[in-house]
Protein backbone atom coordinates (compact mmCIF):
# COMPACT_ATOMS: atom_id res chain seq x y z
CA MET A 1 -4.32 30.94 0.79
CA ALA A 2 -7.59 29.51 -0.40
CA SER A 3 -8.84 30.37 -3.89
CA ARG A 4 -11.29 27.47 -3.98
CA THR A 5 -12.67 24.91 -1.58
CA LEU A 6 -10.88 21.57 -1.59
CA ARG A 7 -12.43 18.49 -0.01
CA PHE A 8 -10.23 16.17 2.05
CA ALA A 9 -11.01 12.68 3.37
CA LEU A 10 -8.93 11.72 6.42
CA PHE A 11 -7.86 8.21 7.43
CA GLY A 12 -5.58 7.34 10.33
CA ASN A 13 -3.89 4.76 12.50
CA ILE A 14 -6.33 3.51 15.14
CA TYR A 15 -3.90 1.29 17.02
CA GLN A 16 -1.26 3.71 18.30
CA ALA A 17 -2.54 6.84 19.99
CA LYS A 18 0.81 8.62 19.78
CA LYS A 19 0.66 8.45 15.99
CA SER A 20 -2.39 10.72 16.02
CA ALA A 21 -0.74 13.37 18.22
CA PHE A 22 -0.54 15.90 15.38
CA ILE A 23 -4.16 15.51 14.32
CA ASN A 24 -5.28 18.89 15.68
CA ASN A 25 -2.51 20.67 13.77
CA ILE A 26 -3.33 18.82 10.58
CA ILE A 27 -7.05 19.54 10.73
CA GLY A 28 -6.22 23.12 11.73
CA SER A 29 -4.05 23.57 8.63
CA LEU A 30 -6.86 22.28 6.44
CA LYS A 31 -9.54 24.49 8.03
CA GLU A 32 -7.23 27.52 7.84
CA SER A 33 -7.02 26.97 4.08
CA GLY A 34 -10.82 26.91 3.83
CA ALA A 35 -10.96 23.20 3.08
CA GLU A 36 -13.86 20.85 3.73
CA VAL A 37 -12.68 18.15 6.15
CA ASN A 38 -14.28 14.71 6.14
CA ILE A 39 -13.05 11.93 8.40
CA ASP A 40 -13.39 8.16 8.52
CA SER A 41 -15.82 7.19 11.29
CA GLU A 42 -13.56 4.51 12.77
CA PHE A 43 -10.67 6.97 13.04
CA TYR A 44 -12.96 9.73 14.35
CA HIS A 45 -14.34 7.59 17.18
CA PHE A 46 -10.83 6.45 18.04
CA LEU A 47 -9.76 10.09 18.38
CA VAL A 48 -12.79 10.94 20.52
CA ASP A 49 -12.16 7.91 22.76
CA THR A 50 -8.54 9.01 23.27
CA GLY A 51 -9.53 12.49 24.42
CA ARG A 52 -9.71 14.53 21.23
CA ALA A 53 -13.33 15.60 21.40
CA GLY A 54 -14.66 18.58 19.48
CA LEU A 55 -12.57 18.12 16.34
CA PRO A 56 -13.62 20.78 13.78
CA VAL A 57 -14.55 18.40 10.97
CA ASP A 58 -17.39 18.86 8.48
CA ASN A 59 -18.50 15.26 7.99
CA VAL A 60 -17.93 11.76 9.37
CA PHE A 61 -18.27 8.99 6.79
CA ASN A 62 -18.58 5.21 6.94
CA GLY A 63 -16.83 2.61 4.80
CA ASN A 64 -16.26 3.70 1.22
CA ASP A 65 -19.03 6.29 1.27
CA PHE A 66 -16.89 9.35 0.63
CA GLU A 67 -15.81 11.70 -2.13
CA ALA A 68 -12.89 14.11 -1.99
CA ASP A 69 -10.29 15.99 -3.98
CA PHE A 70 -7.55 14.46 -1.85
CA VAL A 71 -7.25 11.66 0.70
CA VAL A 72 -4.91 12.16 3.67
CA SER A 73 -3.49 9.05 5.32
CA MET A 74 -2.07 9.65 8.80
CA GLY A 75 0.15 6.88 10.11
CA GLY A 76 2.77 4.81 8.34
CA ASP A 77 2.94 2.91 5.08
CA GLY A 78 0.55 0.29 6.49
CA THR A 79 -2.09 2.94 7.16
CA PHE A 80 -1.50 4.27 3.64
CA LEU A 81 -2.17 0.83 2.14
CA LYS A 82 -5.43 0.53 4.08
CA ALA A 83 -6.51 3.96 2.86
CA ALA A 84 -5.59 2.99 -0.70
CA SER A 85 -7.80 -0.11 -0.48
CA ARG A 86 -10.70 2.17 0.51
CA VAL A 87 -9.99 4.61 -2.32
CA GLY A 88 -9.98 1.80 -4.88
CA GLU A 89 -11.31 3.02 -8.22
CA LYS A 90 -12.33 6.48 -6.97
CA ASN A 91 -9.28 8.03 -8.67
CA ILE A 92 -8.57 10.27 -5.65
CA PRO A 93 -4.91 11.24 -5.06
CA ILE A 94 -3.51 10.20 -1.66
CA ILE A 95 -1.16 12.18 0.59
CA GLY A 96 0.78 10.12 3.12
CA VAL A 97 1.54 11.88 6.42
CA ASN A 98 3.97 9.81 8.45
CA MET A 99 3.49 9.95 12.22
CA GLY A 100 6.63 7.88 12.86
CA ARG A 101 9.70 7.24 10.76
CA LEU A 102 9.87 8.25 7.11
CA GLY A 103 8.07 5.85 4.79
CA PHE A 104 8.18 5.23 1.05
CA LEU A 105 4.46 5.98 0.76
CA ALA A 106 3.88 8.14 3.83
CA ASP A 107 6.65 10.65 3.26
CA VAL A 108 5.23 13.94 4.58
CA HIS A 109 6.22 14.84 8.14
CA PRO A 110 3.39 16.36 10.22
CA GLU A 111 5.38 19.54 10.69
CA GLU A 112 5.58 19.90 6.90
CA PHE A 113 1.87 19.44 6.36
CA HIS A 114 0.98 23.14 6.41
CA ASN A 115 3.41 23.75 3.54
CA CYS A 116 2.06 20.66 1.80
CA VAL A 117 -1.49 22.09 1.88
CA LYS A 118 -0.17 25.38 0.55
CA ALA A 119 1.52 23.53 -2.31
CA LEU A 120 -1.78 21.81 -3.16
CA TYR A 121 -3.56 25.14 -3.54
CA GLU A 122 -0.65 26.55 -5.55
CA LYS A 123 -0.54 23.35 -7.64
CA LYS A 124 3.14 22.84 -6.85
CA TYR A 125 3.03 19.08 -6.72
CA THR A 126 2.99 16.05 -8.99
CA ILE A 127 0.77 12.99 -9.03
CA GLU A 128 2.35 9.61 -9.62
CA ASP A 129 0.28 6.79 -11.09
CA ARG A 130 1.08 3.49 -9.38
CA THR A 131 0.16 0.08 -10.82
CA VAL A 132 -2.24 -2.07 -8.80
CA ILE A 133 -2.49 -5.89 -8.89
CA LYS A 134 -5.95 -7.42 -9.26
CA VAL A 135 -6.40 -10.93 -7.82
CA LYS A 136 -8.92 -13.60 -8.69
CA ALA A 137 -9.00 -16.79 -6.63
CA GLU A 138 -11.03 -19.62 -8.08
CA GLY A 139 -13.78 -20.62 -5.66
CA ASN A 140 -12.89 -17.87 -3.17
CA GLU A 141 -14.19 -14.35 -2.58
CA PHE A 142 -12.06 -11.76 -0.85
CA VAL A 143 -13.40 -9.72 2.03
CA GLY A 144 -12.92 -6.10 1.04
CA SER A 145 -10.73 -5.15 -1.89
CA ASP A 146 -9.45 -7.76 -4.35
CA CYS A 147 -6.57 -5.50 -5.38
CA ALA A 148 -3.14 -4.73 -3.91
CA LEU A 149 -0.93 -1.67 -4.31
CA ASN A 150 2.20 -3.29 -2.83
CA ASP A 151 2.12 -7.03 -3.28
CA VAL A 152 0.27 -10.30 -3.28
CA ALA A 153 1.87 -13.10 -1.24
CA ILE A 154 1.02 -16.79 -1.53
CA LEU A 155 2.02 -18.34 1.81
CA LYS A 156 1.88 -21.62 3.70
CA ARG A 157 -0.37 -21.79 6.77
CA ASP A 158 1.61 -24.19 8.97
CA ASN A 159 5.18 -24.21 10.22
CA ALA A 160 6.12 -27.70 9.15
CA SER A 161 6.15 -28.02 5.38
CA MET A 162 6.64 -26.03 2.21
CA ILE A 163 3.99 -25.48 -0.41
CA THR A 164 4.21 -26.21 -4.12
CA ILE A 165 3.28 -23.38 -6.48
CA HIS A 166 2.91 -24.08 -10.20
CA ALA A 167 3.43 -20.73 -11.96
CA SER A 168 2.46 -19.84 -15.53
CA ILE A 169 2.88 -16.57 -17.41
CA ASN A 170 0.38 -15.80 -20.19
CA GLY A 171 -0.55 -19.46 -20.27
CA GLU A 172 3.03 -20.75 -20.54
CA HIS A 173 4.49 -22.76 -17.66
CA LEU A 174 7.28 -20.81 -15.95
CA THR A 175 8.39 -23.02 -13.07
CA THR A 176 7.24 -24.90 -9.99
CA TYR A 177 8.21 -23.25 -6.73
CA GLN A 178 8.76 -25.36 -3.64
CA ALA A 179 9.01 -22.77 -0.93
CA ASP A 180 7.35 -21.17 2.07
CA GLY A 181 5.63 -18.85 -0.37
CA LEU A 182 5.84 -16.50 -3.33
CA VAL A 183 5.65 -12.70 -3.39
CA VAL A 184 4.31 -10.97 -6.50
CA SER A 185 5.18 -7.30 -6.22
CA THR A 186 4.52 -4.03 -7.99
CA PRO A 187 7.32 -1.44 -8.19
CA THR A 188 5.63 0.32 -5.24
CA GLY A 189 5.90 -2.86 -3.15
CA SER A 190 9.44 -3.71 -4.21
CA THR A 191 10.84 -1.97 -1.11
CA ALA A 192 8.48 -3.82 1.25
CA TYR A 193 7.97 -7.58 1.78
CA SER A 194 9.58 -8.39 -1.57
CA LEU A 195 12.83 -6.68 -0.59
CA SER A 196 12.97 -8.57 2.71
CA VAL A 197 12.95 -11.92 0.88
CA GLY A 198 15.60 -10.92 -1.64
CA GLY A 199 13.57 -9.23 -4.37
CA PRO A 200 14.90 -6.34 -6.47
CA ILE A 201 14.33 -2.65 -5.81
CA ILE A 202 12.24 -1.33 -8.71
CA VAL A 203 11.77 2.36 -9.45
CA PRO A 204 8.10 3.46 -9.42
CA GLY A 205 6.73 4.07 -12.87
CA THR A 206 8.53 1.02 -14.24
CA HIS A 207 5.84 -1.15 -15.82
CA VAL A 208 6.80 -4.49 -14.35
CA PHE A 209 5.96 -7.08 -11.71
CA SER A 210 8.50 -9.14 -9.81
CA LEU A 211 8.15 -12.72 -8.53
CA THR A 212 10.30 -13.68 -5.55
CA ALA A 213 10.14 -16.99 -3.66
CA VAL A 214 10.02 -17.03 0.14
CA ALA A 215 12.66 -19.45 1.51
CA PRO A 216 12.81 -21.61 -1.66
CA HIS A 217 13.94 -25.23 -1.46
CA SER A 218 16.31 -24.68 -4.39
CA LEU A 219 19.01 -21.99 -4.27
CA SER A 220 18.73 -21.64 -8.06
CA MET A 221 15.22 -20.20 -7.70
CA ARG A 222 15.92 -16.51 -8.25
CA PRO A 223 13.60 -13.49 -8.57
CA ILE A 224 12.21 -12.73 -12.01
CA VAL A 225 10.90 -9.43 -13.37
CA LEU A 226 8.24 -9.40 -16.08
CA SER A 227 5.99 -6.94 -17.88
CA ASP A 228 2.96 -5.81 -15.90
CA ASP A 229 0.84 -6.63 -18.95
CA SER A 230 1.43 -10.28 -18.10
CA VAL A 231 -1.23 -12.57 -16.67
CA ILE A 232 0.21 -14.66 -13.83
CA THR A 233 -1.52 -17.93 -12.99
CA LEU A 234 -0.65 -19.86 -9.83
CA ARG A 235 -1.89 -23.27 -8.69
CA VAL A 236 -1.01 -24.34 -5.16
CA GLU A 237 -0.54 -27.76 -3.55
CA CYS A 238 0.02 -28.16 0.19
CA ARG A 239 -0.19 -30.81 2.91
CA SER A 240 -2.51 -28.78 5.10
CA HIS A 241 -4.99 -28.44 2.17
CA HIS A 242 -5.21 -24.71 2.78
CA PHE A 243 -2.89 -21.78 2.10
CA LEU A 244 -2.99 -18.01 2.49
CA VAL A 245 -3.29 -15.26 -0.08
CA ALA A 246 -2.22 -11.93 1.42
CA LEU A 247 -3.11 -8.70 -0.39
CA ASP A 248 -1.01 -5.89 1.09
CA GLY A 249 -0.96 -7.92 4.31
CA ARG A 250 -4.73 -8.69 4.36
CA SER A 251 -4.79 -12.50 4.49
CA GLU A 252 -7.45 -14.78 3.05
CA LYS A 253 -7.55 -18.57 3.42
CA CYS A 254 -7.78 -20.54 0.16
CA ILE A 255 -8.32 -24.21 -0.57
CA GLU A 256 -5.55 -26.38 -2.04
CA GLY A 257 -5.83 -26.71 -5.81
CA SER A 258 -7.35 -23.25 -6.24
CA THR A 259 -6.13 -21.30 -9.25
CA ILE A 260 -4.95 -17.78 -8.43
CA THR A 261 -4.88 -15.30 -11.31
CA LEU A 262 -3.01 -12.01 -10.99
CA GLN A 263 -2.94 -9.17 -13.49
CA LYS A 264 -2.77 -5.41 -13.68
CA ALA A 265 -5.93 -3.75 -12.36
CA PRO A 266 -7.95 -1.58 -14.75
CA TYR A 267 -7.14 1.48 -12.62
CA SER A 268 -4.04 2.96 -11.00
CA MET A 269 -3.49 4.47 -7.57
CA LYS A 270 -2.59 8.16 -7.55
CA ILE A 271 -0.01 9.38 -5.03
CA VAL A 272 0.74 13.05 -4.33
CA LYS A 273 4.43 13.94 -4.35
CA ARG A 274 5.86 17.28 -3.36
CA GLN A 275 8.38 18.76 -5.76
CA GLU A 276 11.21 18.39 -3.25
CA SER A 277 10.43 14.75 -2.48
CA THR A 278 11.75 12.01 -4.79
CA PHE A 279 11.95 8.23 -4.67
CA TYR A 280 15.75 8.39 -4.78
CA SER A 281 16.03 10.79 -1.82
CA THR A 282 13.71 8.57 0.22
CA LEU A 283 15.64 5.48 -0.85
CA ARG A 284 18.96 6.97 0.25
CA GLU A 285 17.53 7.93 3.63
CA LYS A 286 15.69 4.67 4.30
CA MET A 287 18.54 2.43 3.12
CA MET A 288 21.20 4.70 4.67
CA TRP A 289 23.16 4.63 1.44
CA GLY A 290 26.30 6.68 1.81
CA ALA A 291 26.03 6.81 5.61
CA ASP A 292 29.04 5.83 7.69
CA THR A 293 27.64 3.05 9.90
CA ARG A 294 30.94 2.24 11.56
CA GLY A 295 30.97 2.60 15.32
């Protein structure tokens, strides 16, 4: 199969051992193709500790100290997002291998991985560019990446009271949200947290962001979709004097009165898609559109 050596960087789920059950087959498929296999140290030590010693990998890397032709994320969509945060500006395409149920990002079943590797060598795949949100929080520094592939959520910290979010678009006041929070989503994240709070489903490749309030005080506060060239500015007031900013689920505490600025990152995330896999086919399966759900 191999006509050239491809380098792969592997990331995986370190919390559920059963989701790494296919790891030997996956690494075996890569080595059979003549690939160079590099693996994240945290994932590697997890595999060794759970009885998978002697994995035939070429290198073990720490943190963001890796280079590759492709990144392989083994887990679910959450694992994919963590891998994406490590890829950052490296411009490396990511393949999502789902060890559980089908995901929107992790859409390759382990049993299909051998054919997926073959398609990579035969160049029978496409790469989708996905918009990333860059976040700047006045007076706060984020631990790790300051960008999000799915969404950025502004959330209250306590259970008692709402927060007030003054939102402006390109310097013009939009509205003041009184709610449990606000989700700013990319098209990639529109089927995640945003969807669960009533946001729209947005087809990837559409150059927009969506803003959707979490449990708003006013029923007239509806989602809004705007160009991803927009600069979104948010100023938060809250009784607890602190609130949370969550980037793809990674939460940071911020001080009341901080100005949060969100805009399109200067780079995109690249996702490998097989020719037979489309957003619409995944959407139909995940949403069970057309399925007879009657008992």
